[in-house]
Amino acid sequence: MPRLVAFLRAINVGGHTVTMEELRRLFDALGGRDVETFIASGNVIFLSRSRDLTALERKIEKGLHAALGYEVATFLRTDAEVAAVAAHKPFKPAQVQTAVAHNVGFFREPLGATAVKALEAQKTDNDQFHVRGREVYWLCRKRQSEAAFSSALLERTLKVRVTWRGVNTIARLVERHGFSATTPD
């Protein structure tokens, strides 16, 4: 049974408040097993018998919408995928050390060439991007509130949904749960 991480968009932001206990209960009701949450920003670790992760994402979104009354975009990754996200280092250490923010955005599907080009057009002296599969790494040299780039701009420009996490949050999640980029057979 695969161990999965659901990265949820719109949990405990924008006036929406969901306790982690409630989130665990909702995932239990949706068929998750051994459900845990990691910090109060919509990171849910669970086991599932489902082999169709796209269908499972839709099921979770539908269940959360019914329970919470608003859309909660859901981005599923296996534990090995999350470990690979944490291990990927697209920027030089000196760049990361001088940055104010270093985030990773999760998409449902890999970006096509046109979308990657549109994202790269958003690059500035303060904002750098690196696309890898279904993730984009964003290195910001200013406070994000002062940056020309934003999640809303990305979603409008690319016509896709995204949720962001700090790279350090992903590293702590991997360390705490012992995720490995390779899974045993």
N, C-alpha and C. Protein backbone atom coordinates (compact mmCIF):
# COMPACT_ATOMS: atom_id res chain seq x y z
N MET A 1 0.84 -1.17 0.00
CA MET A 1 0.00 0.00 0.00
C MET A 1 0.89 1.24 0.00
N PRO A 2 0.77 2.08 -1.02
CA PRO A 2 1.68 3.23 -1.11
C PRO A 2 1.42 4.29 -0.03
N ARG A 3 2.50 4.89 0.43
CA ARG A 3 2.40 6.02 1.36
C ARG A 3 2.39 7.28 0.50
N LEU A 4 1.41 8.12 0.72
CA LEU A 4 1.20 9.30 -0.10
C LEU A 4 1.24 10.56 0.75
N VAL A 5 1.53 11.67 0.08
CA VAL A 5 1.42 12.98 0.70
C VAL A 5 0.47 13.79 -0.16
N ALA A 6 -0.54 14.36 0.48
CA ALA A 6 -1.45 15.28 -0.19
C ALA A 6 -1.03 16.69 0.20
N PHE A 7 -0.68 17.48 -0.80
CA PHE A 7 -0.39 18.90 -0.59
C PHE A 7 -1.66 19.64 -0.96
N LEU A 8 -2.29 20.23 0.03
CA LEU A 8 -3.59 20.87 -0.17
C LEU A 8 -3.43 22.37 -0.33
N ARG A 9 -4.20 22.93 -1.24
CA ARG A 9 -4.20 24.37 -1.46
C ARG A 9 -5.39 24.95 -0.73
N ALA A 10 -5.20 26.07 -0.08
CA ALA A 10 -6.29 26.82 0.58
C ALA A 10 -6.69 26.24 1.94
N ILE A 11 -5.75 25.62 2.62
CA ILE A 11 -6.00 25.18 3.99
C ILE A 11 -5.35 26.20 4.93
N ASN A 12 -6.14 26.75 5.81
CA ASN A 12 -5.69 27.73 6.81
C ASN A 12 -5.05 28.99 6.19
N VAL A 13 -5.63 29.43 5.08
CA VAL A 13 -5.30 30.70 4.46
C VAL A 13 -6.59 31.33 3.95
N GLY A 14 -6.54 32.61 3.71
CA GLY A 14 -7.69 33.28 3.10
C GLY A 14 -8.98 33.20 3.90
N GLY A 15 -8.85 33.17 5.23
CA GLY A 15 -10.05 33.12 6.06
C GLY A 15 -10.60 31.73 6.31
N HIS A 16 -10.01 30.73 5.71
CA HIS A 16 -10.44 29.35 5.94
C HIS A 16 -9.58 28.76 7.06
N THR A 17 -10.23 28.15 8.04
CA THR A 17 -9.50 27.51 9.13
C THR A 17 -9.99 26.08 9.29
N VAL A 18 -9.06 25.16 9.23
CA VAL A 18 -9.38 23.73 9.40
C VAL A 18 -8.37 23.18 10.39
N THR A 19 -8.86 22.57 11.46
CA THR A 19 -7.92 21.97 12.41
C THR A 19 -7.31 20.72 11.79
N MET A 20 -6.14 20.38 12.25
CA MET A 20 -5.48 19.20 11.73
C MET A 20 -6.23 17.93 12.15
N GLU A 21 -6.86 17.98 13.30
CA GLU A 21 -7.70 16.84 13.72
C GLU A 21 -8.86 16.65 12.75
N GLU A 22 -9.50 17.74 12.35
CA GLU A 22 -10.60 17.64 11.39
C GLU A 22 -10.10 17.12 10.04
N LEU A 23 -8.95 17.59 9.62
CA LEU A 23 -8.37 17.14 8.36
C LEU A 23 -8.06 15.64 8.41
N ARG A 24 -7.50 15.17 9.52
CA ARG A 24 -7.23 13.73 9.67
C ARG A 24 -8.54 12.93 9.63
N ARG A 25 -9.56 13.44 10.31
CA ARG A 25 -10.87 12.76 10.31
C ARG A 25 -11.45 12.69 8.90
N LEU A 26 -11.33 13.78 8.15
CA LEU A 26 -11.86 13.80 6.77
C LEU A 26 -11.12 12.80 5.89
N PHE A 27 -9.80 12.73 6.02
CA PHE A 27 -9.04 11.77 5.22
C PHE A 27 -9.35 10.33 5.63
N ASP A 28 -9.56 10.10 6.93
CA ASP A 28 -10.01 8.77 7.37
C ASP A 28 -11.32 8.40 6.68
N ALA A 29 -12.26 9.33 6.67
CA ALA A 29 -13.58 9.09 6.07
C ALA A 29 -13.47 8.86 4.56
N LEU A 30 -12.44 9.43 3.94
CA LEU A 30 -12.25 9.25 2.50
C LEU A 30 -11.45 7.98 2.17
N GLY A 31 -11.15 7.17 3.19
CA GLY A 31 -10.48 5.90 2.96
C GLY A 31 -9.00 5.88 3.23
N GLY A 32 -8.44 6.99 3.71
CA GLY A 32 -7.01 7.01 4.05
C GLY A 32 -6.74 6.17 5.29
N ARG A 33 -5.57 5.62 5.37
CA ARG A 33 -5.16 4.84 6.55
C ARG A 33 -3.91 5.46 7.15
N ASP A 34 -3.78 5.31 8.47
CA ASP A 34 -2.61 5.86 9.18
C ASP A 34 -2.38 7.32 8.81
N VAL A 35 -3.45 8.10 8.87
CA VAL A 35 -3.42 9.50 8.46
C VAL A 35 -2.69 10.35 9.48
N GLU A 36 -1.76 11.16 9.00
CA GLU A 36 -1.03 12.13 9.83
C GLU A 36 -1.03 13.46 9.10
N THR A 37 -0.88 14.54 9.84
CA THR A 37 -0.69 15.84 9.22
C THR A 37 0.69 16.36 9.61
N PHE A 38 1.19 17.25 8.79
CA PHE A 38 2.50 17.85 9.06
C PHE A 38 2.35 19.36 8.95
N ILE A 39 2.57 20.03 10.03
CA ILE A 39 2.32 21.45 10.24
C ILE A 39 0.93 21.83 9.72
N ALA A 40 0.42 22.93 10.15
CA ALA A 40 -0.98 23.28 9.90
C ALA A 40 -1.18 24.02 8.58
N SER A 41 -0.57 23.50 7.52
CA SER A 41 -0.72 24.17 6.23
C SER A 41 -1.16 23.24 5.11
N GLY A 42 -1.80 22.14 5.47
CA GLY A 42 -2.38 21.28 4.44
C GLY A 42 -1.43 20.26 3.85
N ASN A 43 -0.66 19.60 4.71
CA ASN A 43 0.20 18.50 4.29
C ASN A 43 -0.30 17.26 5.01
N VAL A 44 -0.82 16.29 4.26
CA VAL A 44 -1.42 15.10 4.86
C VAL A 44 -0.69 13.87 4.34
N ILE A 45 -0.20 13.06 5.26
CA ILE A 45 0.50 11.82 4.93
C ILE A 45 -0.45 10.68 5.26
N PHE A 46 -0.58 9.74 4.32
CA PHE A 46 -1.53 8.64 4.55
C PHE A 46 -1.19 7.46 3.65
N LEU A 47 -1.78 6.33 3.97
CA LEU A 47 -1.70 5.13 3.14
C LEU A 47 -3.00 5.00 2.37
N SER A 48 -2.91 4.44 1.16
CA SER A 48 -4.11 4.24 0.35
C SER A 48 -3.95 2.99 -0.50
N ARG A 49 -5.04 2.32 -0.71
CA ARG A 49 -5.04 1.15 -1.59
C ARG A 49 -5.18 1.57 -3.06
N SER A 50 -5.55 2.80 -3.29
CA SER A 50 -5.79 3.29 -4.64
C SER A 50 -4.52 3.24 -5.48
N ARG A 51 -4.65 2.77 -6.71
CA ARG A 51 -3.53 2.76 -7.66
C ARG A 51 -3.69 3.91 -8.66
N ASP A 52 -4.87 4.49 -8.74
CA ASP A 52 -5.15 5.59 -9.66
C ASP A 52 -5.11 6.89 -8.87
N LEU A 53 -3.93 7.52 -8.85
CA LEU A 53 -3.75 8.71 -8.04
C LEU A 53 -4.53 9.91 -8.57
N THR A 54 -4.75 9.97 -9.88
CA THR A 54 -5.55 11.05 -10.44
C THR A 54 -6.99 10.95 -9.93
N ALA A 55 -7.54 9.76 -9.95
CA ALA A 55 -8.90 9.56 -9.44
C ALA A 55 -8.95 9.83 -7.94
N LEU A 56 -7.91 9.45 -7.22
CA LEU A 56 -7.86 9.69 -5.78
C LEU A 56 -7.80 11.19 -5.49
N GLU A 57 -7.02 11.95 -6.26
CA GLU A 57 -6.99 13.41 -6.09
C GLU A 57 -8.39 13.99 -6.23
N ARG A 58 -9.10 13.55 -7.26
CA ARG A 58 -10.46 14.05 -7.50
C ARG A 58 -11.41 13.66 -6.37
N LYS A 59 -11.27 12.44 -5.87
CA LYS A 59 -12.11 11.98 -4.77
C LYS A 59 -11.87 12.83 -3.52
N ILE A 60 -10.61 13.10 -3.23
CA ILE A 60 -10.27 13.92 -2.06
C ILE A 60 -10.84 15.33 -2.23
N GLU A 61 -10.63 15.91 -3.40
CA GLU A 61 -11.15 17.27 -3.65
C GLU A 61 -12.66 17.33 -3.49
N LYS A 62 -13.34 16.36 -4.03
CA LYS A 62 -14.81 16.32 -3.93
C LYS A 62 -15.24 16.17 -2.47
N GLY A 63 -14.58 15.28 -1.73
CA GLY A 63 -14.92 15.07 -0.33
C GLY A 63 -14.63 16.29 0.53
N LEU A 64 -13.49 16.94 0.29
CA LEU A 64 -13.16 18.14 1.06
C LEU A 64 -14.09 19.30 0.72
N HIS A 65 -14.45 19.42 -0.55
CA HIS A 65 -15.39 20.48 -0.94
C HIS A 65 -16.74 20.27 -0.24
N ALA A 66 -17.21 19.04 -0.24
CA ALA A 66 -18.49 18.74 0.42
C ALA A 66 -18.43 19.03 1.92
N ALA A 67 -17.32 18.70 2.55
CA ALA A 67 -17.19 18.86 4.00
C ALA A 67 -16.89 20.30 4.42
N LEU A 68 -16.10 21.00 3.62
CA LEU A 68 -15.62 22.33 4.02
C LEU A 68 -16.36 23.48 3.35
N GLY A 69 -17.00 23.18 2.23
CA GLY A 69 -17.78 24.21 1.54
C GLY A 69 -16.99 25.09 0.59
N TYR A 70 -15.77 24.73 0.29
CA TYR A 70 -14.98 25.48 -0.68
C TYR A 70 -14.00 24.53 -1.36
N GLU A 71 -13.49 24.98 -2.52
CA GLU A 71 -12.56 24.17 -3.30
C GLU A 71 -11.21 24.05 -2.60
N VAL A 72 -10.71 22.83 -2.54
CA VAL A 72 -9.38 22.55 -2.00
C VAL A 72 -8.63 21.73 -3.04
N ALA A 73 -7.85 22.43 -3.88
CA ALA A 73 -7.07 21.71 -4.88
C ALA A 73 -6.09 20.79 -4.16
N THR A 74 -5.95 19.57 -4.68
CA THR A 74 -5.15 18.53 -4.04
C THR A 74 -4.09 18.03 -5.01
N PHE A 75 -2.87 17.93 -4.52
CA PHE A 75 -1.74 17.49 -5.33
C PHE A 75 -1.08 16.32 -4.61
N LEU A 76 -1.23 15.12 -5.14
CA LEU A 76 -0.69 13.92 -4.50
C LEU A 76 0.70 13.58 -5.03
N ARG A 77 1.55 13.13 -4.10
CA ARG A 77 2.87 12.61 -4.45
C ARG A 77 3.13 11.39 -3.58
N THR A 78 3.86 10.42 -4.12
CA THR A 78 4.29 9.29 -3.31
C THR A 78 5.41 9.77 -2.39
N ASP A 79 5.70 8.97 -1.37
CA ASP A 79 6.80 9.34 -0.47
C ASP A 79 8.12 9.44 -1.23
N ALA A 80 8.35 8.55 -2.20
CA ALA A 80 9.58 8.59 -2.98
C ALA A 80 9.65 9.88 -3.82
N GLU A 81 8.52 10.29 -4.38
CA GLU A 81 8.50 11.54 -5.15
C GLU A 81 8.82 12.74 -4.27
N VAL A 82 8.27 12.76 -3.06
CA VAL A 82 8.54 13.87 -2.14
C VAL A 82 10.02 13.87 -1.76
N ALA A 83 10.60 12.71 -1.53
CA ALA A 83 12.04 12.63 -1.22
C ALA A 83 12.87 13.15 -2.39
N ALA A 84 12.46 12.83 -3.61
CA ALA A 84 13.18 13.32 -4.79
C ALA A 84 13.07 14.83 -4.92
N VAL A 85 11.91 15.40 -4.57
CA VAL A 85 11.74 16.85 -4.58
C VAL A 85 12.71 17.49 -3.60
N ALA A 86 12.81 16.92 -2.41
CA ALA A 86 13.70 17.46 -1.39
C ALA A 86 15.17 17.33 -1.79
N ALA A 87 15.51 16.27 -2.47
CA ALA A 87 16.91 16.01 -2.84
C ALA A 87 17.37 16.86 -4.02
N HIS A 88 16.44 17.33 -4.84
CA HIS A 88 16.81 18.10 -6.03
C HIS A 88 17.29 19.49 -5.63
N LYS A 89 18.44 19.86 -6.10
CA LYS A 89 19.06 21.16 -5.75
C LYS A 89 19.35 21.94 -7.03
N PRO A 90 18.37 22.64 -7.57
CA PRO A 90 18.57 23.32 -8.85
C PRO A 90 19.38 24.61 -8.79
N PHE A 91 19.53 25.18 -7.61
CA PHE A 91 20.24 26.44 -7.48
C PHE A 91 21.55 26.23 -6.71
N LYS A 92 22.53 27.07 -7.00
CA LYS A 92 23.81 26.98 -6.31
C LYS A 92 23.62 27.32 -4.83
N PRO A 93 24.38 26.66 -3.94
CA PRO A 93 24.25 26.93 -2.50
C PRO A 93 24.38 28.42 -2.14
N ALA A 94 25.27 29.12 -2.80
CA ALA A 94 25.44 30.55 -2.50
C ALA A 94 24.18 31.34 -2.86
N GLN A 95 23.50 30.95 -3.93
CA GLN A 95 22.25 31.60 -4.31
C GLN A 95 21.18 31.36 -3.26
N VAL A 96 21.10 30.13 -2.80
CA VAL A 96 20.09 29.77 -1.80
C VAL A 96 20.36 30.52 -0.49
N GLN A 97 21.62 30.62 -0.10
CA GLN A 97 21.97 31.30 1.15
C GLN A 97 21.60 32.77 1.14
N THR A 98 21.66 33.42 0.00
CA THR A 98 21.35 34.84 -0.07
C THR A 98 19.88 35.12 -0.41
N ALA A 99 19.12 34.08 -0.69
CA ALA A 99 17.70 34.25 -1.01
C ALA A 99 16.88 34.49 0.25
N VAL A 100 15.79 35.18 0.09
CA VAL A 100 14.85 35.40 1.20
C VAL A 100 13.86 34.24 1.26
N ALA A 101 13.49 33.70 0.09
CA ALA A 101 12.53 32.59 0.04
C ALA A 101 12.99 31.57 -1.01
N HIS A 102 12.76 30.30 -0.69
CA HIS A 102 13.09 29.19 -1.59
C HIS A 102 11.94 28.21 -1.48
N ASN A 103 11.11 28.17 -2.52
CA ASN A 103 9.88 27.40 -2.49
C ASN A 103 9.81 26.40 -3.63
N VAL A 104 8.91 25.45 -3.45
CA VAL A 104 8.60 24.52 -4.54
C VAL A 104 7.09 24.53 -4.73
N GLY A 105 6.70 24.63 -6.00
CA GLY A 105 5.28 24.60 -6.36
C GLY A 105 4.94 23.26 -6.96
N PHE A 106 3.76 22.74 -6.58
CA PHE A 106 3.30 21.44 -7.06
C PHE A 106 2.18 21.63 -8.07
N PHE A 107 2.33 20.99 -9.24
CA PHE A 107 1.31 20.98 -10.29
C PHE A 107 0.75 19.57 -10.41
N ARG A 108 -0.38 19.44 -11.09
CA ARG A 108 -0.95 18.11 -11.36
C ARG A 108 -0.15 17.38 -12.44
N GLU A 109 0.20 18.11 -13.48
CA GLU A 109 0.87 17.54 -14.65
C GLU A 109 2.17 18.30 -14.91
N PRO A 110 3.12 17.68 -15.59
CA PRO A 110 4.31 18.44 -15.99
C PRO A 110 3.90 19.60 -16.91
N LEU A 111 4.60 20.69 -16.81
CA LEU A 111 4.32 21.83 -17.69
C LEU A 111 4.82 21.53 -19.10
N GLY A 112 4.04 21.93 -20.08
CA GLY A 112 4.48 21.80 -21.47
C GLY A 112 5.50 22.87 -21.81
N ALA A 113 6.10 22.76 -22.98
CA ALA A 113 7.15 23.69 -23.40
C ALA A 113 6.66 25.14 -23.43
N THR A 114 5.43 25.37 -23.87
CA THR A 114 4.89 26.73 -23.93
C THR A 114 4.74 27.30 -22.52
N ALA A 115 4.26 26.50 -21.59
CA ALA A 115 4.09 26.95 -20.21
C ALA A 115 5.45 27.23 -19.55
N VAL A 116 6.43 26.37 -19.82
CA VAL A 116 7.77 26.58 -19.25
C VAL A 116 8.33 27.91 -19.78
N LYS A 117 8.15 28.15 -21.06
CA LYS A 117 8.63 29.40 -21.66
C LYS A 117 7.93 30.60 -21.03
N ALA A 118 6.63 30.51 -20.80
CA ALA A 118 5.89 31.60 -20.17
C ALA A 118 6.37 31.84 -18.73
N LEU A 119 6.66 30.77 -18.02
CA LEU A 119 7.19 30.90 -16.66
C LEU A 119 8.58 31.54 -16.69
N GLU A 120 9.42 31.09 -17.58
CA GLU A 120 10.77 31.66 -17.69
C GLU A 120 10.73 33.15 -18.02
N ALA A 121 9.68 33.58 -18.71
CA ALA A 121 9.52 35.01 -19.03
C ALA A 121 9.27 35.84 -17.78
N GLN A 122 8.89 35.18 -16.67
CA GLN A 122 8.64 35.87 -15.40
C GLN A 122 9.94 36.07 -14.60
N LYS A 123 11.04 35.50 -15.08
CA LYS A 123 12.31 35.59 -14.37
C LYS A 123 12.76 37.05 -14.29
N THR A 124 13.25 37.43 -13.12
CA THR A 124 13.80 38.76 -12.90
C THR A 124 15.11 38.60 -12.14
N ASP A 125 15.74 39.72 -11.82
CA ASP A 125 16.95 39.65 -10.99
C ASP A 125 16.63 39.07 -9.61
N ASN A 126 15.37 39.22 -9.19
CA ASN A 126 14.96 38.75 -7.86
C ASN A 126 14.28 37.39 -7.87
N ASP A 127 13.77 36.97 -8.99
CA ASP A 127 13.00 35.72 -9.07
C ASP A 127 13.61 34.80 -10.10
N GLN A 128 14.01 33.60 -9.66
CA GLN A 128 14.53 32.59 -10.57
C GLN A 128 13.67 31.34 -10.44
N PHE A 129 13.57 30.59 -11.54
CA PHE A 129 12.72 29.40 -11.57
C PHE A 129 13.47 28.23 -12.17
N HIS A 130 13.06 27.05 -11.74
CA HIS A 130 13.58 25.81 -12.30
C HIS A 130 12.43 24.81 -12.31
N VAL A 131 12.09 24.34 -13.49
CA VAL A 131 10.99 23.38 -13.64
C VAL A 131 11.58 21.99 -13.74
N ARG A 132 10.98 21.08 -12.96
CA ARG A 132 11.40 19.68 -12.99
C ARG A 132 10.16 18.82 -12.83
N GLY A 133 9.74 18.18 -13.88
CA GLY A 133 8.56 17.33 -13.82
C GLY A 133 7.31 18.11 -13.45
N ARG A 134 6.66 17.69 -12.36
CA ARG A 134 5.42 18.35 -11.91
C ARG A 134 5.68 19.39 -10.83
N GLU A 135 6.93 19.85 -10.73
CA GLU A 135 7.27 20.86 -9.73
C GLU A 135 8.02 22.01 -10.37
N VAL A 136 7.89 23.17 -9.72
CA VAL A 136 8.69 24.33 -10.08
C VAL A 136 9.36 24.84 -8.80
N TYR A 137 10.64 25.09 -8.89
CA TYR A 137 11.39 25.65 -7.76
C TYR A 137 11.50 27.15 -7.99
N TRP A 138 11.22 27.93 -6.96
CA TRP A 138 11.25 29.39 -7.05
C TRP A 138 12.21 29.92 -6.00
N LEU A 139 13.22 30.63 -6.45
CA LEU A 139 14.17 31.28 -5.57
C LEU A 139 13.91 32.78 -5.65
N CYS A 140 13.60 33.37 -4.51
CA CYS A 140 13.22 34.78 -4.45
C CYS A 140 14.21 35.55 -3.57
N ARG A 141 14.78 36.59 -4.12
CA ARG A 141 15.78 37.37 -3.39
C ARG A 141 15.16 38.48 -2.55
N LYS A 142 13.85 38.69 -2.67
CA LYS A 142 13.12 39.69 -1.88
C LYS A 142 12.07 38.96 -1.05
N ARG A 143 11.44 39.73 -0.17
CA ARG A 143 10.26 39.15 0.49
C ARG A 143 9.23 38.88 -0.60
N GLN A 144 8.54 37.77 -0.48
CA GLN A 144 7.58 37.39 -1.51
C GLN A 144 6.52 38.46 -1.72
N SER A 145 6.14 39.17 -0.68
CA SER A 145 5.14 40.22 -0.81
C SER A 145 5.65 41.39 -1.66
N GLU A 146 6.96 41.49 -1.83
CA GLU A 146 7.56 42.56 -2.64
C GLU A 146 7.95 42.09 -4.04
N ALA A 147 7.81 40.81 -4.31
CA ALA A 147 8.22 40.24 -5.59
C ALA A 147 7.21 40.57 -6.68
N ALA A 148 7.71 40.72 -7.90
CA ALA A 148 6.84 40.94 -9.06
C ALA A 148 6.05 39.67 -9.38
N PHE A 149 6.63 38.52 -9.08
CA PHE A 149 6.02 37.23 -9.34
C PHE A 149 5.11 36.84 -8.17
N SER A 150 4.02 36.14 -8.48
CA SER A 150 3.13 35.62 -7.43
C SER A 150 2.45 34.35 -7.93
N SER A 151 1.90 33.63 -6.99
CA SER A 151 1.14 32.43 -7.33
C SER A 151 -0.05 32.78 -8.22
N ALA A 152 -0.74 33.86 -7.90
CA ALA A 152 -1.90 34.27 -8.71
C ALA A 152 -1.48 34.58 -10.14
N LEU A 153 -0.34 35.26 -10.29
CA LEU A 153 0.17 35.56 -11.63
C LEU A 153 0.49 34.27 -12.37
N LEU A 154 1.14 33.34 -11.71
CA LEU A 154 1.47 32.06 -12.34
C LEU A 154 0.20 31.34 -12.79
N GLU A 155 -0.80 31.26 -11.93
CA GLU A 155 -2.03 30.56 -12.29
C GLU A 155 -2.76 31.23 -13.44
N ARG A 156 -2.79 32.57 -13.44
CA ARG A 156 -3.43 33.30 -14.54
C ARG A 156 -2.67 33.11 -15.85
N THR A 157 -1.36 33.20 -15.78
CA THR A 157 -0.53 33.11 -16.97
C THR A 157 -0.55 31.71 -17.57
N LEU A 158 -0.40 30.71 -16.73
CA LEU A 158 -0.28 29.33 -17.21
C LEU A 158 -1.59 28.56 -17.26
N LYS A 159 -2.63 29.12 -16.64
CA LYS A 159 -3.95 28.45 -16.60
C LYS A 159 -3.86 27.08 -15.92
N VAL A 160 -3.11 27.04 -14.81
CA VAL A 160 -2.97 25.81 -14.02
C VAL A 160 -3.11 26.16 -12.55
N ARG A 161 -3.39 25.17 -11.74
CA ARG A 161 -3.44 25.31 -10.29
C ARG A 161 -2.08 24.91 -9.74
N VAL A 162 -1.72 25.53 -8.61
CA VAL A 162 -0.44 25.24 -7.97
C VAL A 162 -0.61 25.45 -6.47
N THR A 163 0.16 24.71 -5.69
CA THR A 163 0.27 25.00 -4.27
C THR A 163 1.76 25.02 -3.95
N TRP A 164 2.14 25.91 -3.03
CA TRP A 164 3.55 26.14 -2.71
C TRP A 164 3.89 25.67 -1.32
N ARG A 165 5.13 25.19 -1.17
CA ARG A 165 5.69 24.87 0.14
C ARG A 165 7.14 25.34 0.15
N GLY A 166 7.61 25.72 1.29
CA GLY A 166 9.02 26.05 1.43
C GLY A 166 9.85 24.80 1.27
N VAL A 167 10.99 24.93 0.62
CA VAL A 167 11.89 23.78 0.44
C VAL A 167 12.29 23.21 1.79
N ASN A 168 12.49 24.07 2.79
CA ASN A 168 12.84 23.58 4.13
C ASN A 168 11.71 22.76 4.73
N THR A 169 10.47 23.13 4.47
CA THR A 169 9.33 22.35 4.96
C THR A 169 9.34 20.96 4.34
N ILE A 170 9.62 20.88 3.04
CA ILE A 170 9.68 19.58 2.36
C ILE A 170 10.81 18.74 2.94
N ALA A 171 11.96 19.36 3.18
CA ALA A 171 13.11 18.62 3.76
C ALA A 171 12.76 18.09 5.15
N ARG A 172 12.10 18.91 5.97
CA ARG A 172 11.71 18.46 7.31
C ARG A 172 10.68 17.34 7.25
N LEU A 173 9.76 17.40 6.30
CA LEU A 173 8.76 16.36 6.12
C LEU A 173 9.44 15.04 5.76
N VAL A 174 10.38 15.09 4.84
CA VAL A 174 11.11 13.89 4.42
C VAL A 174 11.90 13.30 5.59
N GLU A 175 12.58 14.17 6.32
CA GLU A 175 13.38 13.70 7.45
C GLU A 175 12.51 13.10 8.55
N ARG A 176 11.44 13.76 8.87
CA ARG A 176 10.57 13.28 9.96
C ARG A 176 9.95 11.93 9.65
N HIS A 177 9.59 11.73 8.40
CA HIS A 177 8.89 10.49 8.03
C HIS A 177 9.79 9.45 7.38
N GLY A 178 11.07 9.73 7.26
CA GLY A 178 12.01 8.76 6.73
C GLY A 178 11.78 8.41 5.28
N PHE A 179 11.27 9.35 4.49
CA PHE A 179 11.04 9.08 3.07
C PHE A 179 12.37 8.87 2.38
N SER A 180 12.35 8.01 1.37
CA SER A 180 13.52 7.74 0.57
C SER A 180 13.16 7.88 -0.89
N ALA A 181 14.08 8.38 -1.69
CA ALA A 181 13.80 8.56 -3.13
C ALA A 181 13.64 7.23 -3.85
N THR A 182 14.03 6.16 -3.22
CA THR A 182 13.79 4.83 -3.79
C THR A 182 12.91 4.06 -2.83
N THR A 183 12.01 3.30 -3.36
CA THR A 183 11.10 2.54 -2.52
C THR A 183 11.46 1.07 -2.59
N PRO A 184 11.34 0.36 -1.45
CA PRO A 184 11.63 -1.09 -1.48
C PRO A 184 10.58 -1.84 -2.28
N ASP A 185 10.98 -2.94 -2.89
CA ASP A 185 10.03 -3.75 -3.68
C ASP A 185 9.09 -4.52 -2.81
